[in-house]
Amino acid sequence: PVSCAAATLGAPVADPERAAQRAAVRDAAARIRALVRTGHARDAQPVARDALRDAEQLGEDALRAEALWNVGWTELEGGQLDAAEGHLLDAIAVAERSGNARTRAEAWIRMLRLEHLRGRYDRLAVYRAQAEAAVEAAGGAPEQRSMLLQYVGTMYAARGELAAAVDVLQRALVADPAMPSWERGTVIESLAVAQLIAGHTHEAIDLLDTSRALIEQDLGSRHPRDRKSTRLNSSH
């Protein structure tokens, strides 16, 4: 029989149970993305932790790196920055060891966001260099390039380097032609914040209106980002 020949040649024998576990971890990742992107990061955390447990049982580092990254991402978006840092750094280490370049890049990009949320803008240069190198090593996916530029731009704005912020954020808008409307809205929201910091209130309000329309188009009017845009708009 073919199966006997395969075994004789040393080919791996398919394990339906492991294949099912692997599929479950991948399915969990899709659920996590949907929850985080609709503003429900805390709800995604138990899903991410369960997926990490399953990935650890499988013992496959490439999958474990992705699961670690998902836990870190849900913690980051849920405001648990110390826990997020630990899981993101673990994801980077495991991804590098296993050759999971895409997950390594995703984790480095989110380390930029984490330092922004902590207000540690002095780390921009080092973390930007790490993230850019990781994105290039992963093939330079347009969506990763765009997200990286968005986080760099928001850090420039927070540091008061407004010309640099506007330049980088405008580059983020064109880096990914297939960018979803809601994501384009978040980049425009970052541009609006830069304009607010610069004192350009009318320009900022126009950008916020555009941002809100794009986010609402994809995610609905009750999404947290849309409510944030509304508050920024109404406060000026």
Protein backbone atom coordinates (compact mmCIF):
# COMPACT_ATOMS: atom_id res chain seq x y z
CA PRO A 1 0.00 0.00 0.00
CA VAL A 2 1.00 3.65 -0.54
CA SER A 3 0.93 4.37 3.20
CA CYS A 4 3.44 1.58 3.83
CA ALA A 5 5.72 2.88 1.10
CA ALA A 6 5.54 6.37 2.54
CA ALA A 7 6.37 5.09 5.99
CA THR A 8 9.30 3.12 4.58
CA LEU A 9 10.66 6.25 2.88
CA GLY A 10 10.37 8.19 6.11
CA ALA A 11 7.54 10.51 5.01
CA PRO A 12 5.47 11.87 7.92
CA VAL A 13 2.20 10.08 8.50
CA ALA A 14 -0.79 12.40 8.68
CA ASP A 15 -2.16 12.82 12.20
CA PRO A 16 -5.84 13.84 12.02
CA GLU A 17 -5.92 14.87 15.68
CA ARG A 18 -2.92 17.19 15.33
CA ALA A 19 -4.34 18.59 12.10
CA ALA A 20 -7.60 19.36 13.92
CA GLN A 21 -5.71 21.05 16.79
CA ARG A 22 -3.72 23.10 14.30
CA ALA A 23 -6.90 24.16 12.51
CA ALA A 24 -8.47 25.13 15.84
CA VAL A 25 -5.56 27.43 16.65
CA ARG A 26 -5.84 29.05 13.22
CA ASP A 27 -9.60 29.47 13.61
CA ALA A 28 -9.03 31.08 17.01
CA ALA A 29 -6.63 33.57 15.41
CA ALA A 30 -9.36 34.64 12.98
CA ARG A 31 -11.84 35.13 15.85
CA ILE A 32 -9.26 37.14 17.78
CA ARG A 33 -8.68 39.46 14.81
CA ALA A 34 -12.40 40.04 14.41
CA LEU A 35 -12.88 40.82 18.11
CA VAL A 36 -9.90 43.16 18.42
CA ARG A 37 -10.72 45.05 15.26
CA THR A 38 -14.28 45.65 16.42
CA GLY A 39 -13.15 47.02 19.77
CA HIS A 40 -13.55 43.89 21.92
CA ALA A 41 -9.94 43.12 22.85
CA ARG A 42 -10.85 42.01 26.38
CA ASP A 43 -13.34 39.49 25.00
CA ALA A 44 -10.59 38.17 22.74
CA GLN A 45 -8.17 37.50 25.60
CA PRO A 46 -9.61 34.14 26.79
CA VAL A 47 -9.75 32.96 23.17
CA ALA A 48 -6.09 33.94 22.74
CA ARG A 49 -5.03 32.23 25.97
CA ASP A 50 -6.83 29.01 25.00
CA ALA A 51 -5.17 29.08 21.59
CA LEU A 52 -1.76 29.55 23.22
CA ARG A 53 -2.38 26.53 25.45
CA ASP A 54 -3.32 24.45 22.41
CA ALA A 55 -0.27 25.65 20.47
CA GLU A 56 2.00 24.76 23.38
CA GLN A 57 0.51 21.28 23.50
CA LEU A 58 1.26 20.86 19.80
CA GLY A 59 4.86 21.86 20.40
CA GLU A 60 5.22 23.69 17.08
CA ASP A 61 7.20 26.90 17.58
CA ALA A 62 5.94 28.68 14.47
CA LEU A 63 2.35 28.23 15.65
CA ARG A 64 3.31 29.01 19.24
CA ALA A 65 4.86 32.30 18.11
CA GLU A 66 1.62 33.29 16.45
CA ALA A 67 -0.36 32.36 19.56
CA LEU A 68 1.99 34.35 21.81
CA TRP A 69 1.63 37.34 19.51
CA ASN A 70 -2.16 37.10 19.67
CA VAL A 71 -2.11 37.07 23.48
CA GLY A 72 0.21 40.08 23.49
CA TRP A 73 -1.93 41.91 20.96
CA THR A 74 -5.14 41.44 22.95
CA GLU A 75 -3.36 42.63 26.10
CA LEU A 76 -1.93 45.64 24.29
CA GLU A 77 -5.31 46.68 22.95
CA GLY A 78 -6.84 45.98 26.36
CA GLY A 79 -4.40 48.35 28.06
CA GLN A 80 -2.39 45.67 29.93
CA LEU A 81 0.93 46.98 28.73
CA ASP A 82 3.34 45.11 31.00
CA ALA A 83 1.75 41.75 30.23
CA ALA A 84 1.63 42.65 26.53
CA GLU A 85 5.33 43.48 26.47
CA GLY A 86 6.26 40.09 27.91
CA HIS A 87 4.17 38.15 25.42
CA LEU A 88 5.26 40.25 22.43
CA LEU A 89 8.94 39.81 23.29
CA ASP A 90 8.38 36.07 23.72
CA ALA A 91 6.61 35.99 20.35
CA ILE A 92 9.59 37.74 18.73
CA ALA A 93 12.06 35.26 20.21
CA VAL A 94 10.03 32.17 19.30
CA ALA A 95 9.21 33.51 15.84
CA GLU A 96 12.87 34.18 15.13
CA ARG A 97 13.85 30.70 16.29
CA SER A 98 11.17 29.04 14.17
CA GLY A 99 11.51 31.20 11.07
CA ASN A 100 8.03 32.74 11.42
CA ALA A 101 9.04 36.05 9.86
CA ARG A 102 5.54 37.48 9.49
CA THR A 103 4.65 37.03 13.15
CA ARG A 104 8.02 38.47 14.18
CA ALA A 105 7.27 41.57 12.11
CA GLU A 106 3.75 41.92 13.55
CA ALA A 107 5.16 41.76 17.08
CA TRP A 108 7.86 44.37 16.43
CA ILE A 109 5.30 46.71 14.88
CA ARG A 110 3.14 46.42 18.02
CA MET A 111 6.17 47.11 20.22
CA LEU A 112 6.21 50.54 18.58
CA ARG A 113 2.57 51.02 19.54
CA LEU A 114 3.27 49.84 23.07
CA GLU A 115 6.04 52.39 23.56
CA HIS A 116 3.76 55.08 22.15
CA LEU A 117 1.06 54.20 24.67
CA ARG A 118 3.65 54.33 27.45
CA GLY A 119 4.81 57.73 26.27
CA ARG A 120 8.37 56.52 25.74
CA TYR A 121 8.90 58.41 22.50
CA ASP A 122 12.67 58.39 22.93
CA ARG A 123 12.59 54.74 21.87
CA LEU A 124 11.19 55.57 18.43
CA ALA A 125 14.46 55.30 16.51
CA VAL A 126 15.52 51.93 17.94
CA TYR A 127 12.11 50.29 17.73
CA ARG A 128 11.45 51.73 14.27
CA ALA A 129 14.72 50.22 13.01
CA GLN A 130 13.85 46.83 14.48
CA ALA A 131 10.33 46.90 13.06
CA GLU A 132 11.46 48.03 9.60
CA ALA A 133 14.09 45.29 9.43
CA ALA A 134 11.53 42.70 10.53
CA VAL A 135 8.97 43.86 7.95
CA GLU A 136 11.54 43.70 5.16
CA ALA A 137 12.68 40.24 6.28
CA ALA A 138 9.05 39.10 6.12
CA GLY A 139 8.71 40.28 2.52
CA GLY A 140 7.56 43.87 2.99
CA ALA A 141 3.80 43.23 2.98
CA PRO A 142 1.93 46.48 2.16
CA GLU A 143 -0.35 46.18 5.18
CA GLN A 144 2.63 45.81 7.51
CA ARG A 145 4.46 48.74 5.90
CA SER A 146 1.36 50.90 6.28
CA MET A 147 0.76 49.99 9.92
CA LEU A 148 4.42 50.58 10.78
CA LEU A 149 4.30 54.03 9.19
CA GLN A 150 1.09 54.85 11.07
CA TYR A 151 2.66 54.07 14.44
CA VAL A 152 5.84 55.97 13.56
CA GLY A 153 3.74 58.95 12.50
CA THR A 154 1.73 59.00 15.72
CA MET A 155 4.96 58.95 17.74
CA TYR A 156 6.36 61.85 15.72
CA ALA A 157 3.16 63.78 16.40
CA ALA A 158 3.36 63.06 20.12
CA ARG A 159 6.96 64.32 20.13
CA GLY A 160 5.85 67.54 18.47
CA GLU A 161 7.60 66.78 15.18
CA LEU A 162 4.52 67.64 13.18
CA ALA A 163 6.00 67.99 9.68
CA ALA A 164 7.58 64.55 10.02
CA ALA A 165 4.32 63.15 11.43
CA VAL A 166 2.23 64.43 8.52
CA ASP A 167 4.77 63.20 5.96
CA VAL A 168 4.93 59.68 7.44
CA LEU A 169 1.17 59.39 7.93
CA GLN A 170 0.51 60.46 4.34
CA ARG A 171 2.95 57.76 3.24
CA ALA A 172 1.02 55.28 5.39
CA LEU A 173 -2.15 56.11 3.46
CA VAL A 174 -0.63 55.13 0.11
CA ALA A 175 1.55 52.23 1.28
CA ASP A 176 -1.28 49.72 1.08
CA PRO A 177 -3.65 50.19 -1.89
CA ALA A 178 -5.91 47.42 -0.54
CA MET A 179 -6.21 48.99 2.93
CA PRO A 180 -9.72 48.45 4.38
CA SER A 181 -11.83 51.55 4.88
CA TRP A 182 -11.78 51.31 8.67
CA GLU A 183 -7.99 51.13 8.71
CA ARG A 184 -7.69 54.08 6.35
CA GLY A 185 -9.96 55.88 8.78
CA THR A 186 -7.60 55.21 11.68
CA VAL A 187 -4.64 56.62 9.75
CA ILE A 188 -6.64 59.74 8.89
CA GLU A 189 -7.62 59.99 12.56
CA SER A 190 -3.91 60.05 13.43
CA LEU A 191 -3.42 62.83 10.87
CA ALA A 192 -6.25 64.73 12.52
CA VAL A 193 -4.60 64.46 15.92
CA ALA A 194 -1.35 65.79 14.43
CA GLN A 195 -3.24 68.76 13.02
CA LEU A 196 -4.91 69.37 16.39
CA ILE A 197 -1.53 69.42 18.12
CA ALA A 198 -0.38 71.95 15.53
CA GLY A 199 -3.41 74.11 16.29
CA HIS A 200 -5.00 73.55 12.87
CA THR A 201 -8.48 72.98 14.27
CA HIS A 202 -10.55 73.31 11.09
CA GLU A 203 -8.30 70.95 9.15
CA ALA A 204 -8.44 68.49 12.02
CA ILE A 205 -12.25 68.55 12.15
CA ASP A 206 -12.48 67.89 8.40
CA LEU A 207 -10.12 64.94 8.77
CA LEU A 208 -12.09 63.59 11.73
CA ASP A 209 -15.31 63.72 9.72
CA THR A 210 -13.63 61.71 6.96
CA SER A 211 -12.16 59.29 9.48
CA ARG A 212 -15.49 58.70 11.19
CA ALA A 213 -17.26 58.05 7.88
CA LEU A 214 -14.65 55.49 6.82
CA ILE A 215 -14.65 53.65 10.16
CA GLU A 216 -18.44 53.64 10.32
CA GLN A 217 -18.61 52.31 6.77
CA ASP A 218 -16.83 49.10 7.82
CA LEU A 219 -17.38 48.75 11.56
CA GLY A 220 -20.56 50.64 12.38
CA SER A 221 -21.26 53.76 14.41
CA ARG A 222 -20.88 52.02 17.78
CA HIS A 223 -17.22 51.06 17.30
CA PRO A 224 -14.96 52.60 20.00
CA ARG A 225 -12.74 54.31 17.43
CA ASP A 226 -15.76 55.99 15.89
CA ARG A 227 -16.93 57.21 19.30
CA LYS A 228 -13.41 58.55 19.95
CA SER A 229 -13.51 60.52 16.70
CA THR A 230 -16.87 61.96 17.69
CA ARG A 231 -15.54 63.09 21.07
CA LEU A 232 -12.50 64.72 19.51
CA ASN A 233 -14.71 66.51 17.02
CA SER A 234 -17.25 67.74 19.56
CA SER A 235 -14.54 69.02 21.92
CA HIS A 236 -13.45 71.64 19.40
